C-alpha atoms as a PDB file:
ATOM      1  CA  MET A   1      46.969 -33.486   2.582  1.00  0.00           C
ATOM      2  CA  LYS A   2      47.753 -30.081   1.331  1.00  0.00           C
ATOM      3  CA  ALA A   3      46.215 -30.804  -2.077  1.00  0.00           C
ATOM      4  CA  ASN A   4      43.387 -32.489  -0.529  1.00  0.00           C
ATOM      5  CA  ARG A   5      42.404 -28.953   1.873  1.00  0.00           C
ATOM      6  CA  MET A   6      43.395 -26.790  -1.551  1.00  0.00           C
ATOM      7  CA  GLY A   7      40.674 -29.220  -3.360  1.00  0.00           C
ATOM      8  CA  ALA A   8      38.180 -28.568  -0.697  1.00  0.00           C
ATOM      9  CA  ALA A   9      38.769 -24.927  -0.590  1.00  0.00           C
ATOM     10  CA  ALA A  10      38.198 -24.790  -4.405  1.00  0.00           C
ATOM     11  CA  LEU A  11      35.088 -26.859  -4.228  1.00  0.00           C
ATOM     12  CA  CYS A  12      33.661 -24.625  -1.514  1.00  0.00           C
ATOM     13  CA  MET A  13      34.028 -21.507  -3.404  1.00  0.00           C
ATOM     14  CA  LEU A  14      32.487 -22.845  -6.508  1.00  0.00           C
ATOM     15  CA  LEU A  15      29.532 -23.923  -4.749  1.00  0.00           C
ATOM     16  CA  LEU A  16      28.972 -20.622  -3.169  1.00  0.00           C
ATOM     17  CA  GLY A  17      29.515 -18.981  -6.093  1.00  0.00           C
ATOM     18  CA  ALA A  18      27.151 -21.202  -8.403  1.00  0.00           C
ATOM     19  CA  ALA A  19      24.412 -21.516  -6.192  1.00  0.00           C
ATOM     20  CA  GLY A  20      20.950 -19.562  -6.722  1.00  0.00           C
ATOM     21  CA  TYR A  21      20.356 -18.851  -3.224  1.00  0.00           C
ATOM     22  CA  SER A  22      22.432 -17.687  -0.100  1.00  0.00           C
ATOM     23  CA  GLN A  23      23.967 -20.454   1.778  1.00  0.00           C
ATOM     24  CA  GLN A  24      26.851 -20.498   4.336  1.00  0.00           C
ATOM     25  CA  ILE A  25      29.142 -23.950   5.030  1.00  0.00           C
ATOM     26  CA  GLN A  26      31.053 -24.738   8.041  1.00  0.00           C
ATOM     27  CA  ILE A  27      33.126 -27.671   8.530  1.00  0.00           C
ATOM     28  CA  ASN A  28      34.067 -28.902  12.223  1.00  0.00           C
ATOM     29  CA  LYS A  29      36.561 -31.372  12.224  1.00  0.00           C
ATOM     30  CA  GLU A  30      36.747 -31.824  15.960  1.00  0.00           C
ATOM     31  CA  ASN A  31      33.117 -32.623  16.072  1.00  0.00           C
ATOM     32  CA  LYS A  32      33.249 -33.862  12.765  1.00  0.00           C
ATOM     33  CA  THR A  33      30.095 -32.283  11.307  1.00  0.00           C
ATOM     34  CA  ILE A  34      29.275 -30.288   8.283  1.00  0.00           C
ATOM     35  CA  ALA A  35      26.754 -27.303   8.696  1.00  0.00           C
ATOM     36  CA  ILE A  36      24.949 -26.024   5.965  1.00  0.00           C
ATOM     37  CA  THR A  37      22.684 -22.775   6.034  1.00  0.00           C
ATOM     38  CA  THR A  38      20.643 -22.634   2.491  1.00  0.00           C
ATOM     39  CA  SER A  39      17.506 -21.127   0.960  1.00  0.00           C
ATOM     40  CA  ASP A  40      15.105 -22.540  -1.738  1.00  0.00           C
ATOM     41  CA  GLN A  41      11.258 -21.619  -2.837  1.00  0.00           C
ATOM     42  CA  ALA A  42       8.328 -23.333  -3.773  1.00  0.00           C
ATOM     43  CA  ASP A  43       5.827 -22.034  -6.060  1.00  0.00           C
ATOM     44  CA  ALA A  44       1.861 -22.703  -6.861  1.00  0.00           C
ATOM     45  CA  LEU A  45      -0.865 -20.970  -8.626  1.00  0.00           C
ATOM     46  CA  ALA A  46      -2.657 -18.713  -6.321  1.00  0.00           C
ATOM     47  CA  ASP A  47      -6.425 -19.870  -5.161  1.00  0.00           C
ATOM     48  CA  THR A  48      -7.500 -16.484  -3.351  1.00  0.00           C
ATOM     49  CA  ALA A  49      -8.143 -13.189  -4.942  1.00  0.00           C
ATOM     50  CA  VAL A  50      -8.110  -9.892  -3.039  1.00  0.00           C
ATOM     51  CA  LEU A  51     -10.162  -7.617  -5.382  1.00  0.00           C
ATOM     52  CA  THR A  52     -10.360  -3.937  -4.950  1.00  0.00           C
ATOM     53  CA  VAL A  53     -13.650  -2.814  -6.077  1.00  0.00           C
ATOM     54  CA  GLY A  54     -14.716   0.968  -5.786  1.00  0.00           C
ATOM     55  CA  PHE A  55     -16.153   3.877  -7.900  1.00  0.00           C
ATOM     56  CA  HIS A  56     -15.530   7.454  -8.619  1.00  0.00           C
ATOM     57  CA  ILE A  57     -18.141  10.401  -8.967  1.00  0.00           C
ATOM     58  CA  PHE A  58     -18.643  14.036  -9.504  1.00  0.00           C
ATOM     59  CA  GLY A  59     -21.555  16.453  -8.916  1.00  0.00           C
ATOM     60  CA  LYS A  60     -22.682  19.794  -8.799  1.00  0.00           C
ATOM     61  CA  ASP A  61     -23.395  20.285  -5.370  1.00  0.00           C
ATOM     62  CA  GLN A  62     -22.616  18.269  -1.903  1.00  0.00           C
ATOM     63  CA  ASP A  63     -25.912  16.696  -1.305  1.00  0.00           C
ATOM     64  CA  GLY A  64     -26.428  15.782  -5.103  1.00  0.00           C
ATOM     65  CA  THR A  65     -23.099  13.834  -5.100  1.00  0.00           C
ATOM     66  CA  TYR A  66     -23.624  12.133  -1.686  1.00  0.00           C
ATOM     67  CA  ALA A  67     -27.030  10.958  -3.049  1.00  0.00           C
ATOM     68  CA  GLN A  68     -25.890   9.516  -5.928  1.00  0.00           C
ATOM     69  CA  ALA A  69     -22.850   8.088  -3.994  1.00  0.00           C
ATOM     70  CA  SER A  70     -25.239   6.568  -1.551  1.00  0.00           C
ATOM     71  CA  GLN A  71     -27.234   4.841  -4.263  1.00  0.00           C
ATOM     72  CA  THR A  72     -24.001   3.707  -6.061  1.00  0.00           C
ATOM     73  CA  SER A  73     -22.460   2.215  -3.026  1.00  0.00           C
ATOM     74  CA  ASN A  74     -25.488   0.234  -1.657  1.00  0.00           C
ATOM     75  CA  ALA A  75     -25.967  -0.875  -5.598  1.00  0.00           C
ATOM     76  CA  VAL A  76     -22.591  -2.357  -5.687  1.00  0.00           C
ATOM     77  CA  MET A  77     -22.651  -3.614  -2.351  1.00  0.00           C
ATOM     78  CA  ALA A  78     -25.940  -5.428  -3.199  1.00  0.00           C
ATOM     79  CA  ALA A  79     -24.812  -6.813  -6.413  1.00  0.00           C
ATOM     80  CA  ILE A  80     -21.758  -8.286  -4.384  1.00  0.00           C
ATOM     81  CA  LYS A  81     -23.830  -9.651  -1.938  1.00  0.00           C
ATOM     82  CA  ALA A  82     -26.459 -10.953  -4.448  1.00  0.00           C
ATOM     83  CA  GLY A  83     -23.285 -12.686  -6.430  1.00  0.00           C
ATOM     84  CA  GLY A  84     -22.905 -14.945  -3.312  1.00  0.00           C
ATOM     85  CA  VAL A  85     -20.255 -13.312  -1.481  1.00  0.00           C
ATOM     86  CA  PRO A  86     -20.128 -13.402   2.350  1.00  0.00           C
ATOM     87  CA  LYS A  87     -20.315 -10.348   4.458  1.00  0.00           C
ATOM     88  CA  GLU A  88     -16.983 -11.285   6.193  1.00  0.00           C
ATOM     89  CA  ALA A  89     -15.360 -11.181   2.584  1.00  0.00           C
ATOM     90  CA  VAL A  90     -15.824  -7.490   2.181  1.00  0.00           C
ATOM     91  CA  GLU A  91     -13.738  -4.934   3.844  1.00  0.00           C
ATOM     92  CA  SER A  92     -14.392  -1.207   3.329  1.00  0.00           C
ATOM     93  CA  ASP A  93     -10.879   0.463   2.115  1.00  0.00           C
ATOM     94  CA  ASP A  94     -11.720   4.382   1.452  1.00  0.00           C
ATOM     95  CA  GLN A  95     -14.739   6.584   1.305  1.00  0.00           C
ATOM     96  CA  SER A  96     -14.272  10.153   0.502  1.00  0.00           C
ATOM     97  CA  LEU A  97     -16.423  13.011  -0.304  1.00  0.00           C
ATOM     98  CA  LYS A  98     -14.201  16.580  -0.920  1.00  0.00           C
ATOM     99  CA  PRO A  99     -14.822  19.562  -3.159  1.00  0.00           C
ATOM    100  CA  LEU A 100     -12.863  20.310  -6.050  1.00  0.00           C
ATOM    101  CA  GLU A 101     -10.088  22.891  -6.503  1.00  0.00           C
ATOM    102  CA  PRO A 102     -10.831  25.516  -8.748  1.00  0.00           C
ATOM    103  CA  ASN A 103      -6.958  25.941  -9.379  1.00  0.00           C
ATOM    104  CA  ASP A 104      -6.052  22.680  -9.694  1.00  0.00           C
ATOM    105  CA  ASP A 105      -5.154  21.879 -13.459  1.00  0.00           C
ATOM    106  CA  SER A 106      -6.826  18.439 -13.463  1.00  0.00           C
ATOM    107  CA  ASP A 107     -10.314  20.065 -11.958  1.00  0.00           C
ATOM    108  CA  LYS A 108     -10.561  23.374 -14.103  1.00  0.00           C
ATOM    109  CA  ALA A 109     -12.253  21.650 -17.015  1.00  0.00           C
ATOM    110  CA  ARG A 110     -15.117  20.519 -14.705  1.00  0.00           C
ATOM    111  CA  TYR A 111     -15.070  23.395 -12.620  1.00  0.00           C
ATOM    112  CA  ALA A 112     -15.922  25.278 -15.560  1.00  0.00           C
ATOM    113  CA  GLN A 113     -18.978  23.125 -15.952  1.00  0.00           C
ATOM    114  CA  GLY A 114     -20.665  23.726 -12.785  1.00  0.00           C
ATOM    115  CA  ILE A 115     -18.887  20.559 -11.269  1.00  0.00           C
ATOM    116  CA  ARG A 116     -17.920  21.166  -7.649  1.00  0.00           C
ATOM    117  CA  PHE A 117     -17.536  17.741  -5.447  1.00  0.00           C
ATOM    118  CA  GLU A 118     -16.391  14.272  -6.068  1.00  0.00           C
ATOM    119  CA  PHE A 119     -16.664  11.350  -4.186  1.00  0.00           C
ATOM    120  CA  SER A 120     -14.665   8.041  -4.039  1.00  0.00           C
ATOM    121  CA  GLN A 121     -15.096   4.664  -2.065  1.00  0.00           C
ATOM    122  CA  SER A 122     -13.474   1.473  -2.604  1.00  0.00           C
ATOM    123  CA  TRP A 123     -13.569  -2.169  -0.784  1.00  0.00           C
ATOM    124  CA  HIS A 124     -11.214  -5.016  -0.896  1.00  0.00           C
ATOM    125  CA  VAL A 125     -13.409  -8.171  -1.402  1.00  0.00           C
ATOM    126  CA  THR A 126     -11.656 -11.506  -0.945  1.00  0.00           C
ATOM    127  CA  VAL A 127     -13.132 -14.254  -2.923  1.00  0.00           C
ATOM    128  CA  PRO A 128     -11.579 -17.647  -4.498  1.00  0.00           C
ATOM    129  CA  ALA A 129      -9.643 -17.118  -7.332  1.00  0.00           C
ATOM    130  CA  GLU A 130     -11.591 -18.919  -9.787  1.00  0.00           C
ATOM    131  CA  VAL A 131     -14.538 -16.310  -9.493  1.00  0.00           C
ATOM    132  CA  VAL A 132     -12.865 -13.282  -9.328  1.00  0.00           C
ATOM    133  CA  ALA A 133     -13.478 -12.332 -12.905  1.00  0.00           C
ATOM    134  CA  ASN A 134     -17.111 -12.741 -12.402  1.00  0.00           C
ATOM    135  CA  ILE A 135     -17.293 -10.639  -9.151  1.00  0.00           C
ATOM    136  CA  LEU A 136     -15.214  -7.717 -10.944  1.00  0.00           C
ATOM    137  CA  HIS A 137     -17.957  -8.302 -13.685  1.00  0.00           C
ATOM    138  CA  ILE A 138     -20.746  -7.865 -11.238  1.00  0.00           C
ATOM    139  CA  ALA A 139     -19.231  -4.869  -9.655  1.00  0.00           C
ATOM    140  CA  ILE A 140     -18.490  -2.954 -12.629  1.00  0.00           C
ATOM    141  CA  THR A 141     -21.876  -3.640 -14.328  1.00  0.00           C
ATOM    142  CA  ALA A 142     -23.462  -2.177 -11.110  1.00  0.00           C
ATOM    143  CA  GLY A 143     -21.539   0.878 -10.948  1.00  0.00           C
ATOM    144  CA  ALA A 144     -17.847   0.366  -9.500  1.00  0.00           C
ATOM    145  CA  ASN A 145     -16.138   2.291 -12.116  1.00  0.00           C
ATOM    146  CA  ASP A 146     -12.843   2.208 -10.342  1.00  0.00           C
ATOM    147  CA  SER A 147     -11.917  -1.569  -9.934  1.00  0.00           C
ATOM    148  CA  GLY A 148      -9.752  -4.219 -10.802  1.00  0.00           C
ATOM    149  CA  GLU A 149      -6.771  -4.347  -8.964  1.00  0.00           C
ATOM    150  CA  ILE A 150      -5.920  -7.744  -7.653  1.00  0.00           C
ATOM    151  CA  GLN A 151      -3.823  -9.116  -4.698  1.00  0.00           C
ATOM    152  CA  TRP A 152      -3.226 -12.811  -5.341  1.00  0.00           C
ATOM    153  CA  GLU A 153      -2.970 -15.061  -1.988  1.00  0.00           C
ATOM    154  CA  LEU A 154      -2.732 -18.579  -1.002  1.00  0.00           C
ATOM    155  CA  ASN A 155      -5.624 -19.113   1.425  1.00  0.00           C
ATOM    156  CA  LYS A 156      -3.654 -22.324   3.381  1.00  0.00           C
ATOM    157  CA  ASP A 157       0.224 -21.919   2.177  1.00  0.00           C
ATOM    158  CA  ASP A 158       1.471 -24.750   5.178  1.00  0.00           C
ATOM    159  CA  ALA A 159       2.014 -27.187   2.100  1.00  0.00           C
ATOM    160  CA  LEU A 160       3.768 -24.678  -0.194  1.00  0.00           C
ATOM    161  CA  GLU A 161       6.045 -23.539   2.874  1.00  0.00           C
ATOM    162  CA  ALA A 162       6.645 -27.359   3.942  1.00  0.00           C
ATOM    163  CA  GLU A 163       7.568 -27.732   0.153  1.00  0.00           C
ATOM    164  CA  ALA A 164      10.184 -25.015   0.285  1.00  0.00           C
ATOM    165  CA  ALA A 165      11.655 -26.385   3.362  1.00  0.00           C
ATOM    166  CA  LYS A 166      11.967 -29.906   1.860  1.00  0.00           C
ATOM    167  CA  LYS A 167      13.699 -28.695  -1.267  1.00  0.00           C
ATOM    168  CA  ALA A 168      15.921 -26.463   0.919  1.00  0.00           C
ATOM    169  CA  LEU A 169      16.985 -29.252   2.856  1.00  0.00           C
ATOM    170  CA  GLU A 170      17.868 -31.459  -0.216  1.00  0.00           C
ATOM    171  CA  HIS A 171      19.399 -28.532  -1.308  1.00  0.00           C
ATOM    172  CA  ALA A 172      21.781 -28.840   1.689  1.00  0.00           C
ATOM    173  CA  ARG A 173      22.394 -32.630   1.646  1.00  0.00           C
ATOM    174  CA  GLN A 174      23.636 -32.212  -1.684  1.00  0.00           C
ATOM    175  CA  ILE A 175      25.977 -29.367  -0.979  1.00  0.00           C
ATOM    176  CA  ALA A 176      27.056 -31.576   2.277  1.00  0.00           C
ATOM    177  CA  LEU A 177      27.677 -34.395  -0.037  1.00  0.00           C
ATOM    178  CA  GLN A 178      29.626 -32.781  -2.271  1.00  0.00           C
ATOM    179  CA  MET A 179      31.801 -30.784   0.266  1.00  0.00           C
ATOM    180  CA  ALA A 180      32.333 -34.547   1.817  1.00  0.00           C
ATOM    181  CA  GLU A 181      33.569 -36.033  -1.255  1.00  0.00           C
ATOM    182  CA  GLY A 182      36.109 -32.980  -1.762  1.00  0.00           C
ATOM    183  CA  LEU A 183      37.258 -33.651   2.028  1.00  0.00           C
ATOM    184  CA  GLY A 184      38.045 -37.322   1.247  1.00  0.00           C
ATOM    185  CA  VAL A 185      35.179 -38.089   3.909  1.00  0.00           C
ATOM    186  CA  LYS A 186      31.971 -40.056   3.950  1.00  0.00           C
ATOM    187  CA  LEU A 187      28.797 -38.073   4.698  1.00  0.00           C
ATOM    188  CA  GLY A 188      26.830 -39.271   7.667  1.00  0.00           C
ATOM    189  CA  THR A 189      23.336 -39.102   9.151  1.00  0.00           C
ATOM    190  CA  LEU A 190      21.500 -35.568   9.525  1.00  0.00           C
ATOM    191  CA  ILE A 191      22.057 -34.515  13.356  1.00  0.00           C
ATOM    192  CA  TYR A 192      20.098 -31.592  13.479  1.00  0.00           C
ATOM    193  CA  ALA A 193      17.812 -29.028  11.163  1.00  0.00           C
ATOM    194  CA  SER A 194      15.863 -26.142  11.661  1.00  0.00           C
ATOM    195  CA  ASN A 195      14.092 -23.905   9.073  1.00  0.00           C
ATOM    196  CA  GLN A 196      12.689 -20.758   9.102  1.00  0.00           C
ATOM    197  CA  THR A 197       9.556 -19.446   6.662  1.00  0.00           C
ATOM    198  CA  PRO A 198       8.123 -16.121   6.387  1.00  0.00           C
ATOM    199  CA  ALA A 199       4.367 -15.045   7.934  1.00  0.00           C
ATOM    200  CA  ARG A 200       1.772 -15.998   6.394  1.00  0.00           C
ATOM    201  CA  THR A 201      -1.683 -14.702   5.614  1.00  0.00           C
ATOM    202  CA  LEU A 202      -4.545 -16.584   6.526  1.00  0.00           C
ATOM    203  CA  PHE A 203      -8.186 -16.046   5.813  1.00  0.00           C
ATOM    204  CA  GLY A 204     -11.002 -17.005   8.685  1.00  0.00           C
ATOM    205  CA  MET A 205     -13.803 -17.420   6.172  1.00  0.00           C
ATOM    206  CA  ASN A 206     -15.006 -20.469   3.939  1.00  0.00           C
ATOM    207  CA  LEU A 207     -14.268 -19.257   0.564  1.00  0.00           C
ATOM    208  CA  GLU A 208     -15.577 -22.373  -1.336  1.00  0.00           C
ATOM    209  CA  THR A 209     -19.403 -20.942  -0.893  1.00  0.00           C
ATOM    210  CA  VAL A 210     -19.354 -18.132  -3.332  1.00  0.00           C
ATOM    211  CA  THR A 211     -21.595 -18.824  -6.187  1.00  0.00           C
ATOM    212  CA  VAL A 212     -22.095 -16.236  -9.163  1.00  0.00           C
ATOM    213  CA  THR A 213     -25.241 -15.490 -11.421  1.00  0.00           C
ATOM    214  CA  ALA A 214     -25.422 -13.127 -14.440  1.00  0.00           C
ATOM    215  CA  SER A 215     -27.793 -10.233 -13.633  1.00  0.00           C
ATOM    216  CA  GLY A 216     -30.543  -9.006 -16.024  1.00  0.00           C
ATOM    217  CA  ARG A 217     -28.244  -6.122 -17.321  1.00  0.00           C
ATOM    218  CA  ASP A 218     -25.512  -8.770 -18.116  1.00  0.00           C
ATOM    219  CA  LYS A 219     -27.876 -10.892 -20.076  1.00  0.00           C
ATOM    220  CA  LYS A 220     -29.381  -7.895 -22.191  1.00  0.00           C
ATOM    221  CA  LEU A 221     -26.133  -6.467 -23.280  1.00  0.00           C
ATOM    222  CA  ASN A 222     -24.688 -10.058 -23.460  1.00  0.00           C
ATOM    223  CA  LEU A 223     -21.543  -8.958 -21.111  1.00  0.00           C
ATOM    224  CA  GLN A 224     -19.184 -11.363 -20.283  1.00  0.00           C
ATOM    225  CA  PRO A 225     -16.676 -11.108 -17.186  1.00  0.00           C
ATOM    226  CA  LEU A 226     -12.814 -10.344 -18.466  1.00  0.00           C
ATOM    227  CA  ALA A 227     -10.466 -13.010 -18.869  1.00  0.00           C
ATOM    228  CA  ILE A 228      -8.077 -13.628 -15.670  1.00  0.00           C
ATOM    229  CA  SER A 229      -5.503 -15.781 -14.776  1.00  0.00           C
ATOM    230  CA  PRO A 230      -4.194 -16.213 -11.234  1.00  0.00           C
ATOM    231  CA  GLU A 231      -0.671 -15.349 -10.676  1.00  0.00           C
ATOM    232  CA  LYS A 232       2.206 -17.791  -9.061  1.00  0.00           C
ATOM    233  CA  ILE A 233       2.800 -17.887  -5.506  1.00  0.00           C
ATOM    234  CA  GLN A 234       6.421 -18.532  -4.267  1.00  0.00           C
ATOM    235  CA  LYS A 235       7.354 -19.092  -0.704  1.00  0.00           C
ATOM    236  CA  SER A 236      10.852 -19.308   0.503  1.00  0.00           C
ATOM    237  CA  ALA A 237      12.440 -21.307   3.338  1.00  0.00           C
ATOM    238  CA  THR A 238      15.904 -21.223   5.056  1.00  0.00           C
ATOM    239  CA  VAL A 239      17.460 -24.466   6.419  1.00  0.00           C
ATOM    240  CA  TYR A 240      20.191 -24.984   8.812  1.00  0.00           C
ATOM    241  CA  ALA A 241      21.201 -28.404   8.778  1.00  0.00           C
ATOM    242  CA  VAL A 242      23.952 -30.312  10.546  1.00  0.00           C
ATOM    243  CA  PHE A 243      25.206 -33.383   9.008  1.00  0.00           C
ATOM    244  CA  ALA A 244      28.003 -36.150  10.549  1.00  0.00           C
ATOM    245  CA  ILE A 245      31.206 -36.856   8.544  1.00  0.00           C
ATOM    246  CA  GLU A 246      32.950 -40.178   8.873  1.00  0.00           C
END
């Protein structure tokens, strides 16, 4: 009996040390249960891209700088809209018109050339992952010279979260089975299970409607979109499972 207890304790330490995810094990001999808390994860290629589009320009006076910024701003938005991106998929991020600092090391060269103002503007554009390279291409050729950051997302991540929870539950079952064998008992049925998953981001728009066409400038210069590949998105789940032992 003493040997069985020592074997079970050694097995428990081995499982806790070898597992790739955090886990807790509780054995209740009175209730004849093994309770396992463990985590696992699942991954899938992103199907949605949140693209940062923007531009940065300099000018000799405030009115001229703002006039150029207004022209560029509207040209970029018109190009994105013509590319098939719905209005609700575009969110303004930042816009700023400010004077240069004559004593700033980064502005000294421009200041010496008579440049006195700078303007910057940016947006977040949410599109399907498969068209993000084309939308970036359209924006840049329309004047968005400060663009390219992409945040990869899953439009609907419920299935991935469910897969992570399923893997965590199976992970818990395997640990419970090994614990039961180490104790010299038989693992019974699953009595209770609960899982926790991180909050997910949902997009309230139809992203499948985006279509992209080449502009006249693209055809003239034979410009091609960049080669961009989506990242893998990972979702984790933590499961608390209670199994009966016989």
